[in-house]
C-alpha atoms as a PDB file:
ATOM      1  CA  MET A   1       0.000   0.000   0.000  1.00  0.00           C
ATOM      2  CA  ASN A   2       2.932   2.317   0.618  1.00  0.00           C
ATOM      3  CA  ALA A   3       3.952   2.064  -3.060  1.00  0.00           C
ATOM      4  CA  ILE A   4       0.440   3.062  -4.136  1.00  0.00           C
ATOM      5  CA  PHE A   5       0.466   5.952  -1.658  1.00  0.00           C
ATOM      6  CA  VAL A   6       3.823   7.224  -2.958  1.00  0.00           C
ATOM      7  CA  ALA A   7       2.617   6.978  -6.576  1.00  0.00           C
ATOM      8  CA  LEU A   8      -0.595   8.880  -5.833  1.00  0.00           C
ATOM      9  CA  ARG A   9       1.269  11.499  -3.830  1.00  0.00           C
ATOM     10  CA  SER A  10       3.800  11.962  -6.640  1.00  0.00           C
ATOM     11  CA  ALA A  11       1.062  12.368  -9.252  1.00  0.00           C
ATOM     12  CA  SER A  12      -0.936  14.886  -7.206  1.00  0.00           C
ATOM     13  CA  ALA A  13       0.169  18.421  -7.972  1.00  0.00           C
ATOM     14  CA  THR A  14      -2.479  20.374  -6.086  1.00  0.00           C
ATOM     15  CA  ASN A  15      -4.373  18.358  -3.468  1.00  0.00           C
ATOM     16  CA  PRO A  16      -2.358  16.475  -0.829  1.00  0.00           C
ATOM     17  CA  VAL A  17      -2.703  12.688  -0.545  1.00  0.00           C
ATOM     18  CA  ARG A  18      -2.679  11.262   2.985  1.00  0.00           C
ATOM     19  CA  LEU A  19      -2.672   7.863   4.645  1.00  0.00           C
ATOM     20  CA  GLY A  20      -5.660   7.075   6.850  1.00  0.00           C
ATOM     21  CA  ASP A  21      -4.144   6.420  10.271  1.00  0.00           C
ATOM     22  CA  LYS A  22      -5.975   3.733  12.265  1.00  0.00           C
ATOM     23  CA  GLY A  23      -4.021   4.286  15.478  1.00  0.00           C
ATOM     24  CA  ASN A  24      -2.042   1.687  17.392  1.00  0.00           C
ATOM     25  CA  GLY A  25      -4.792  -0.951  17.438  1.00  0.00           C
ATOM     26  CA  THR A  26      -6.312  -0.241  20.830  1.00  0.00           C
ATOM     27  CA  PRO A  27     -10.058   0.469  20.967  1.00  0.00           C
ATOM     28  CA  GLU A  28      -9.367   4.009  22.223  1.00  0.00           C
ATOM     29  CA  SER A  29      -7.013   4.842  19.340  1.00  0.00           C
ATOM     30  CA  LYS A  30      -9.410   3.390  16.764  1.00  0.00           C
ATOM     31  CA  ALA A  31     -12.274   5.474  18.190  1.00  0.00           C
ATOM     32  CA  GLU A  32     -10.091   8.589  18.068  1.00  0.00           C
ATOM     33  CA  ALA A  33      -9.099   7.829  14.450  1.00  0.00           C
ATOM     34  CA  LYS A  34     -12.771   7.383  13.475  1.00  0.00           C
ATOM     35  CA  ARG A  35     -13.541  10.745  15.051  1.00  0.00           C
ATOM     36  CA  ARG A  36     -10.661  12.425  13.183  1.00  0.00           C
ATOM     37  CA  HIS A  37     -11.781  10.984   9.832  1.00  0.00           C
ATOM     38  CA  ALA A  38     -15.546  11.456  10.339  1.00  0.00           C
ATOM     39  CA  HIS A  39     -15.597  14.424   7.938  1.00  0.00           C
ATOM     40  CA  LEU A  40     -14.534  12.028   5.144  1.00  0.00           C
ATOM     41  CA  ASN A  41     -16.732   9.004   5.883  1.00  0.00           C
ATOM     42  CA  ASP A  42     -18.558   8.639   9.185  1.00  0.00           C
ATOM     43  CA  GLY A  43     -17.704   5.353  10.897  1.00  0.00           C
ATOM     44  CA  HIS A  44     -14.961   4.274   8.480  1.00  0.00           C
ATOM     45  CA  ILE A  45     -11.280   5.158   8.150  1.00  0.00           C
ATOM     46  CA  PRO A  46     -10.069   5.129   4.527  1.00  0.00           C
ATOM     47  CA  ASP A  47      -6.688   3.603   3.679  1.00  0.00           C
ATOM     48  CA  ILE A  48      -5.642   6.588   1.552  1.00  0.00           C
ATOM     49  CA  TYR A  49      -7.477   9.836   0.871  1.00  0.00           C
ATOM     50  CA  ARG A  50      -7.011  12.973  -1.170  1.00  0.00           C
ATOM     51  CA  THR A  51      -8.322  16.207   0.249  1.00  0.00           C
ATOM     52  CA  GLY A  52     -10.737  18.060  -1.976  1.00  0.00           C
ATOM     53  CA  PRO A  53     -12.769  19.433  -3.280  1.00  0.00           C
ATOM     54  CA  PRO A  54     -13.902  16.784  -3.949  1.00  0.00           C
ATOM     55  CA  HIS A  55     -12.512  14.424  -1.318  1.00  0.00           C
ATOM     56  CA  ILE A  56     -11.413  11.123  -2.884  1.00  0.00           C
ATOM     57  CA  LEU A  57     -11.182   7.994  -0.730  1.00  0.00           C
ATOM     58  CA  TYR A  58      -9.167   4.887  -1.613  1.00  0.00           C
ATOM     59  CA  GLU A  59      -9.716   1.471  -0.030  1.00  0.00           C
ATOM     60  CA  TRP A  60      -7.424  -1.446  -0.872  1.00  0.00           C
ATOM     61  CA  LYS A  61      -7.992  -5.147  -0.340  1.00  0.00           C
ATOM     62  CA  CYS A  62      -4.960  -7.382  -0.769  1.00  0.00           C
ATOM     63  CA  TYR A  63      -5.423 -11.068  -1.483  1.00  0.00           C
ATOM     64  CA  THR A  64      -2.647 -13.632  -1.347  1.00  0.00           C
ATOM     65  CA  PRO A  65      -2.158 -17.065  -2.918  1.00  0.00           C
ATOM     66  CA  PHE A  66      -0.146 -18.167   0.123  1.00  0.00           C
ATOM     67  CA  LYS A  67      -1.534 -20.452   2.794  1.00  0.00           C
ATOM     68  CA  GLY A  68      -2.360 -18.967   6.119  1.00  0.00           C
ATOM     69  CA  LYS A  69      -5.310 -17.996   8.221  1.00  0.00           C
ATOM     70  CA  CYS A  70      -8.252 -17.236   6.027  1.00  0.00           C
ATOM     71  CA  TYR A  71     -11.447 -15.810   7.425  1.00  0.00           C
ATOM     72  CA  THR A  72     -14.287 -16.021   4.949  1.00  0.00           C
ATOM     73  CA  PRO A  73     -17.463 -14.060   5.680  1.00  0.00           C
ATOM     74  CA  TRP A  74     -19.278 -17.322   6.487  1.00  0.00           C
ATOM     75  CA  VAL A  75     -16.652 -18.429   9.032  1.00  0.00           C
ATOM     76  CA  THR A  76     -16.518 -14.975  10.611  1.00  0.00           C
ATOM     77  CA  ALA A  77     -20.325 -14.760  10.888  1.00  0.00           C
ATOM     78  CA  ARG A  78     -20.505 -18.253  12.361  1.00  0.00           C
ATOM     79  CA  ARG A  79     -17.867 -17.446  14.995  1.00  0.00           C
ATOM     80  CA  ALA A  80     -19.675 -14.229  15.933  1.00  0.00           C
ATOM     81  CA  ALA A  81     -22.985 -16.093  16.245  1.00  0.00           C
ATOM     82  CA  ARG A  82     -21.357 -18.767  18.394  1.00  0.00           C
ATOM     83  CA  ARG A  83     -19.985 -16.094  20.745  1.00  0.00           C
ATOM     84  CA  ARG A  84     -23.476 -14.643  21.113  1.00  0.00           C
ATOM     85  CA  GLY A  85     -24.911 -18.119  21.779  1.00  0.00           C
ATOM     86  CA  LEU A  86     -26.977 -18.143  18.575  1.00  0.00           C
ATOM     87  CA  HIS A  87     -25.201 -21.059  16.916  1.00  0.00           C
ATOM     88  CA  ASP A  88     -24.206 -24.491  18.205  1.00  0.00           C
END
């Protein structure tokens, strides 16, 4: 993502491109980051954004062919339901 950020920043002559900072991972820092970025998208912190007008938000999803932990939406939903006692 840093390479994409550098490329966007290099190509932008007028409006600055910034990384969306999600904090250090603690719930307090994430809440503070959501508050700081609420003017862009309430409740979500973009990966990269360009200040406007208009504001442009970039969100990147990186997939890998390598084995490792994989959480599909079905598995994640099932685990959440099990924690709430809704699934056996």
